[in-house]
Amino acid sequence: MPKANTEIRAMLKEKQIPVYAVAAVMGVHENTVFRRLRFELPDDEKATFRRIINELASQAK
C-alpha cells in the first residue's frame, strides 16, 4: 500500500523540517500531524501544509 501525501512528506524531508515544527505552527500535537498524513489530504489542507513548510524553511535560512 503506497503512502499518502508523498509530496508533503518529500517536502519535509527535502527542506529538513521536523514534523514537530509543523505541529507547533498548527497548534496541534506531533502525532496529530502524522495521523493527518496517513490519508490523502484535500487540496486546501495540502496548501496549508505547503505554506507552513515553506515558511519554516525560509526562517531556517
PDB file of N, CA and C in Angstrom:
ATOM      1  N   MET A   1       0.843  -1.177   0.000  1.00  0.00           N
ATOM      2  CA  MET A   1       0.000   0.000   0.000  1.00  0.00           C
ATOM      3  C   MET A   1       0.893   1.247   0.000  1.00  0.00           C
ATOM      4  N   PRO A   2       0.773   2.081  -1.014  1.00  0.00           N
ATOM      5  CA  PRO A   2       1.620   3.283  -1.066  1.00  0.00           C
ATOM      6  C   PRO A   2       1.206   4.294  -0.002  1.00  0.00           C
ATOM      7  N   LYS A   3       2.177   5.075   0.432  1.00  0.00           N
ATOM      8  CA  LYS A   3       1.897   6.095   1.441  1.00  0.00           C
ATOM      9  C   LYS A   3       1.147   7.259   0.816  1.00  0.00           C
ATOM     10  N   ALA A   4       0.287   7.868   1.604  1.00  0.00           N
ATOM     11  CA  ALA A   4      -0.465   9.038   1.154  1.00  0.00           C
ATOM     12  C   ALA A   4       0.380  10.292   1.355  1.00  0.00           C
ATOM     13  N   ASN A   5       0.030  11.340   0.640  1.00  0.00           N
ATOM     14  CA  ASN A   5       0.658  12.655   0.785  1.00  0.00           C
ATOM     15  C   ASN A   5       2.170  12.611   0.569  1.00  0.00           C
ATOM     16  N   THR A   6       2.583  11.900  -0.466  1.00  0.00           N
ATOM     17  CA  THR A   6       4.016  11.738  -0.715  1.00  0.00           C
ATOM     18  C   THR A   6       4.703  13.073  -0.988  1.00  0.00           C
ATOM     19  N   GLU A   7       4.006  14.016  -1.616  1.00  0.00           N
ATOM     20  CA  GLU A   7       4.656  15.302  -1.908  1.00  0.00           C
ATOM     21  C   GLU A   7       4.898  16.107  -0.634  1.00  0.00           C
ATOM     22  N   ILE A   8       3.990  16.015   0.328  1.00  0.00           N
ATOM     23  CA  ILE A   8       4.180  16.706   1.611  1.00  0.00           C
ATOM     24  C   ILE A   8       5.344  16.063   2.362  1.00  0.00           C
ATOM     25  N   ARG A   9       5.374  14.750   2.391  1.00  0.00           N
ATOM     26  CA  ARG A   9       6.457  14.035   3.066  1.00  0.00           C
ATOM     27  C   ARG A   9       7.805  14.348   2.412  1.00  0.00           C
ATOM     28  N   ALA A  10       7.820  14.417   1.079  1.00  0.00           N
ATOM     29  CA  ALA A  10       9.058  14.728   0.361  1.00  0.00           C
ATOM     30  C   ALA A  10       9.530  16.150   0.667  1.00  0.00           C
ATOM     31  N   MET A  11       8.592  17.092   0.751  1.00  0.00           N
ATOM     32  CA  MET A  11       8.956  18.477   1.095  1.00  0.00           C
ATOM     33  C   MET A  11       9.585  18.540   2.482  1.00  0.00           C
ATOM     34  N   LEU A  12       8.989  17.853   3.433  1.00  0.00           N
ATOM     35  CA  LEU A  12       9.534  17.837   4.792  1.00  0.00           C
ATOM     36  C   LEU A  12      10.958  17.288   4.800  1.00  0.00           C
ATOM     37  N   LYS A  13      11.165  16.218   4.063  1.00  0.00           N
ATOM     38  CA  LYS A  13      12.486  15.590   4.021  1.00  0.00           C
ATOM     39  C   LYS A  13      13.490  16.474   3.289  1.00  0.00           C
ATOM     40  N   GLU A  14      13.085  16.996   2.132  1.00  0.00           N
ATOM     41  CA  GLU A  14      13.979  17.815   1.308  1.00  0.00           C
ATOM     42  C   GLU A  14      14.416  19.086   2.036  1.00  0.00           C
ATOM     43  N   LYS A  15      13.475  19.729   2.700  1.00  0.00           N
ATOM     44  CA  LYS A  15      13.767  21.001   3.375  1.00  0.00           C
ATOM     45  C   LYS A  15      14.206  20.801   4.821  1.00  0.00           C
ATOM     46  N   GLN A  16      14.296  19.533   5.242  1.00  0.00           N
ATOM     47  CA  GLN A  16      14.749  19.156   6.578  1.00  0.00           C
ATOM     48  C   GLN A  16      13.956  19.874   7.675  1.00  0.00           C
ATOM     49  N   ILE A  17      12.639  19.834   7.531  1.00  0.00           N
ATOM     50  CA  ILE A  17      11.738  20.424   8.516  1.00  0.00           C
ATOM     51  C   ILE A  17      11.171  19.290   9.371  1.00  0.00           C
ATOM     52  N   PRO A  18      11.387  19.324  10.683  1.00  0.00           N
ATOM     53  CA  PRO A  18      10.823  18.265  11.531  1.00  0.00           C
ATOM     54  C   PRO A  18       9.309  18.419  11.675  1.00  0.00           C
ATOM     55  N   VAL A  19       8.644  17.309  11.823  1.00  0.00           N
ATOM     56  CA  VAL A  19       7.185  17.315  11.937  1.00  0.00           C
ATOM     57  C   VAL A  19       6.734  18.081  13.178  1.00  0.00           C
ATOM     58  N   TYR A  20       7.527  18.032  14.241  1.00  0.00           N
ATOM     59  CA  TYR A  20       7.120  18.755  15.453  1.00  0.00           C
ATOM     60  C   TYR A  20       7.080  20.260  15.226  1.00  0.00           C
ATOM     61  N   ALA A  21       7.901  20.777  14.299  1.00  0.00           N
ATOM     62  CA  ALA A  21       7.873  22.211  13.995  1.00  0.00           C
ATOM     63  C   ALA A  21       6.582  22.575  13.269  1.00  0.00           C
ATOM     64  N   VAL A  22       6.164  21.728  12.343  1.00  0.00           N
ATOM     65  CA  VAL A  22       4.895  21.948  11.642  1.00  0.00           C
ATOM     66  C   VAL A  22       3.748  21.881  12.646  1.00  0.00           C
ATOM     67  N   ALA A  23       3.806  20.911  13.541  1.00  0.00           N
ATOM     68  CA  ALA A  23       2.757  20.758  14.555  1.00  0.00           C
ATOM     69  C   ALA A  23       2.671  21.992  15.446  1.00  0.00           C
ATOM     70  N   ALA A  24       3.807  22.552  15.814  1.00  0.00           N
ATOM     71  CA  ALA A  24       3.811  23.736  16.677  1.00  0.00           C
ATOM     72  C   ALA A  24       3.131  24.914  15.993  1.00  0.00           C
ATOM     73  N   VAL A  25       3.397  25.101  14.704  1.00  0.00           N
ATOM     74  CA  VAL A  25       2.763  26.195  13.964  1.00  0.00           C
ATOM     75  C   VAL A  25       1.260  25.959  13.856  1.00  0.00           C
ATOM     76  N   MET A  26       0.868  24.703  13.650  1.00  0.00           N
ATOM     77  CA  MET A  26      -0.552  24.377  13.513  1.00  0.00           C
ATOM     78  C   MET A  26      -1.280  24.383  14.852  1.00  0.00           C
ATOM     79  N   GLY A  27      -0.528  24.338  15.948  1.00  0.00           N
ATOM     80  CA  GLY A  27      -1.146  24.313  17.269  1.00  0.00           C
ATOM     81  C   GLY A  27      -1.710  22.958  17.646  1.00  0.00           C
ATOM     82  N   VAL A  28      -1.093  21.897  17.114  1.00  0.00           N
ATOM     83  CA  VAL A  28      -1.535  20.535  17.413  1.00  0.00           C
ATOM     84  C   VAL A  28      -0.329  19.717  17.858  1.00  0.00           C
ATOM     85  N   HIS A  29      -0.587  18.513  18.342  1.00  0.00           N
ATOM     86  CA  HIS A  29       0.484  17.607  18.742  1.00  0.00           C
ATOM     87  C   HIS A  29       1.100  16.980  17.494  1.00  0.00           C
ATOM     88  N   GLU A  30       2.364  16.617  17.607  1.00  0.00           N
ATOM     89  CA  GLU A  30       3.091  15.973  16.516  1.00  0.00           C
ATOM     90  C   GLU A  30       2.354  14.737  15.995  1.00  0.00           C
ATOM     91  N   ASN A  31       1.781  13.945  16.888  1.00  0.00           N
ATOM     92  CA  ASN A  31       1.058  12.739  16.472  1.00  0.00           C
ATOM     93  C   ASN A  31      -0.154  13.074  15.614  1.00  0.00           C
ATOM     94  N   THR A  32      -0.778  14.209  15.862  1.00  0.00           N
ATOM     95  CA  THR A  32      -1.925  14.635  15.061  1.00  0.00           C
ATOM     96  C   THR A  32      -1.505  14.870  13.617  1.00  0.00           C
ATOM     97  N   VAL A  33      -0.344  15.468  13.426  1.00  0.00           N
ATOM     98  CA  VAL A  33       0.159  15.700  12.064  1.00  0.00           C
ATOM     99  C   VAL A  33       0.388  14.361  11.375  1.00  0.00           C
ATOM    100  N   PHE A  34       1.032  13.424  12.070  1.00  0.00           N
ATOM    101  CA  PHE A  34       1.259  12.104  11.479  1.00  0.00           C
ATOM    102  C   PHE A  34      -0.059  11.423  11.117  1.00  0.00           C
ATOM    103  N   ARG A  35      -1.069  11.547  11.962  1.00  0.00           N
ATOM    104  CA  ARG A  35      -2.375  10.940  11.670  1.00  0.00           C
ATOM    105  C   ARG A  35      -3.014  11.576  10.448  1.00  0.00           C
ATOM    106  N   ARG A  36      -2.905  12.887  10.324  1.00  0.00           N
ATOM    107  CA  ARG A  36      -3.484  13.562   9.158  1.00  0.00           C
ATOM    108  C   ARG A  36      -2.801  13.132   7.869  1.00  0.00           C
ATOM    109  N   LEU A  37      -1.511  12.829   7.955  1.00  0.00           N
ATOM    110  CA  LEU A  37      -0.768  12.434   6.758  1.00  0.00           C
ATOM    111  C   LEU A  37      -1.018  10.981   6.355  1.00  0.00           C
ATOM    112  N   ARG A  38      -1.701  10.218   7.171  1.00  0.00           N
ATOM    113  CA  ARG A  38      -1.971   8.813   6.843  1.00  0.00           C
ATOM    114  C   ARG A  38      -2.866   8.653   5.626  1.00  0.00           C
ATOM    115  N   PHE A  39      -3.807   9.573   5.463  1.00  0.00           N
ATOM    116  CA  PHE A  39      -4.764   9.501   4.357  1.00  0.00           C
ATOM    117  C   PHE A  39      -4.610  10.741   3.497  1.00  0.00           C
ATOM    118  N   GLU A  40      -4.899  10.603   2.228  1.00  0.00           N
ATOM    119  CA  GLU A  40      -4.726  11.713   1.286  1.00  0.00           C
ATOM    120  C   GLU A  40      -5.538  12.924   1.744  1.00  0.00           C
ATOM    121  N   LEU A  41      -4.866  14.059   1.809  1.00  0.00           N
ATOM    122  CA  LEU A  41      -5.494  15.298   2.270  1.00  0.00           C
ATOM    123  C   LEU A  41      -6.209  16.003   1.126  1.00  0.00           C
ATOM    124  N   PRO A  42      -7.245  16.777   1.441  1.00  0.00           N
ATOM    125  CA  PRO A  42      -7.859  17.640   0.421  1.00  0.00           C
ATOM    126  C   PRO A  42      -6.857  18.717  -0.004  1.00  0.00           C
ATOM    127  N   ASP A  43      -7.072  19.280  -1.166  1.00  0.00           N
ATOM    128  CA  ASP A  43      -6.133  20.259  -1.721  1.00  0.00           C
ATOM    129  C   ASP A  43      -5.922  21.469  -0.818  1.00  0.00           C
ATOM    130  N   ASP A  44      -6.967  21.930  -0.140  1.00  0.00           N
ATOM    131  CA  ASP A  44      -6.803  23.106   0.719  1.00  0.00           C
ATOM    132  C   ASP A  44      -5.913  22.801   1.925  1.00  0.00           C
ATOM    133  N   GLU A  45      -6.011  21.599   2.471  1.00  0.00           N
ATOM    134  CA  GLU A  45      -5.141  21.228   3.592  1.00  0.00           C
ATOM    135  C   GLU A  45      -3.705  21.018   3.122  1.00  0.00           C
ATOM    136  N   LYS A  46      -3.534  20.468   1.918  1.00  0.00           N
ATOM    137  CA  LYS A  46      -2.188  20.328   1.359  1.00  0.00           C
ATOM    138  C   LYS A  46      -1.546  21.698   1.180  1.00  0.00           C
ATOM    139  N   ALA A  47      -2.334  22.660   0.722  1.00  0.00           N
ATOM    140  CA  ALA A  47      -1.820  24.018   0.541  1.00  0.00           C
ATOM    141  C   ALA A  47      -1.381  24.608   1.878  1.00  0.00           C
ATOM    142  N   THR A  48      -2.130  24.330   2.934  1.00  0.00           N
ATOM    143  CA  THR A  48      -1.760  24.806   4.267  1.00  0.00           C
ATOM    144  C   THR A  48      -0.434  24.193   4.703  1.00  0.00           C
ATOM    145  N   PHE A  49      -0.275  22.895   4.502  1.00  0.00           N
ATOM    146  CA  PHE A  49       0.985  22.232   4.845  1.00  0.00           C
ATOM    147  C   PHE A  49       2.135  22.825   4.042  1.00  0.00           C
ATOM    148  N   ARG A  50       1.937  23.012   2.735  1.00  0.00           N
ATOM    149  CA  ARG A  50       2.998  23.580   1.888  1.00  0.00           C
ATOM    150  C   ARG A  50       3.405  24.966   2.374  1.00  0.00           C
ATOM    151  N   ARG A  51       2.415  25.789   2.710  1.00  0.00           N
ATOM    152  CA  ARG A  51       2.689  27.154   3.172  1.00  0.00           C
ATOM    153  C   ARG A  51       3.508  27.126   4.461  1.00  0.00           C
ATOM    154  N   ILE A  52       3.102  26.288   5.397  1.00  0.00           N
ATOM    155  CA  ILE A  52       3.813  26.194   6.675  1.00  0.00           C
ATOM    156  C   ILE A  52       5.239  25.696   6.468  1.00  0.00           C
ATOM    157  N   ILE A  53       5.404  24.677   5.650  1.00  0.00           N
ATOM    158  CA  ILE A  53       6.736  24.124   5.391  1.00  0.00           C
ATOM    159  C   ILE A  53       7.627  25.177   4.746  1.00  0.00           C
ATOM    160  N   ASN A  54       7.102  25.900   3.771  1.00  0.00           N
ATOM    161  CA  ASN A  54       7.899  26.940   3.113  1.00  0.00           C
ATOM    162  C   ASN A  54       8.260  28.070   4.071  1.00  0.00           C
ATOM    163  N   GLU A  55       7.326  28.454   4.942  1.00  0.00           N
ATOM    164  CA  GLU A  55       7.614  29.497   5.943  1.00  0.00           C
ATOM    165  C   GLU A  55       8.721  29.042   6.892  1.00  0.00           C
ATOM    166  N   LEU A  56       8.630  27.808   7.368  1.00  0.00           N
ATOM    167  CA  LEU A  56       9.649  27.292   8.279  1.00  0.00           C
ATOM    168  C   LEU A  56      11.004  27.177   7.585  1.00  0.00           C
ATOM    169  N   ALA A  57      10.997  26.780   6.324  1.00  0.00           N
ATOM    170  CA  ALA A  57      12.249  26.659   5.575  1.00  0.00           C
ATOM    171  C   ALA A  57      12.896  28.023   5.374  1.00  0.00           C
ATOM    172  N   SER A  58      12.085  29.046   5.110  1.00  0.00           N
ATOM    173  CA  SER A  58      12.652  30.387   4.902  1.00  0.00           C
ATOM    174  C   SER A  58      13.181  30.966   6.213  1.00  0.00           C
ATOM    175  N   GLN A  59      12.580  30.607   7.340  1.00  0.00           N
ATOM    176  CA  GLN A  59      13.068  31.070   8.643  1.00  0.00           C
ATOM    177  C   GLN A  59      14.378  30.391   9.020  1.00  0.00           C
ATOM    178  N   ALA A  60      14.578  29.178   8.541  1.00  0.00           N
ATOM    179  CA  ALA A  60      15.771  28.408   8.890  1.00  0.00           C
ATOM    180  C   ALA A  60      17.013  28.900   8.151  1.00  0.00           C
ATOM    181  N   LYS A  61      16.823  29.661   7.096  1.00  0.00           N
ATOM    182  CA  LYS A  61      17.976  30.126   6.304  1.00  0.00           C
ATOM    183  C   LYS A  61      18.734  31.218   6.997  1.00  0.00           C
TER     184      LYS A  61
END
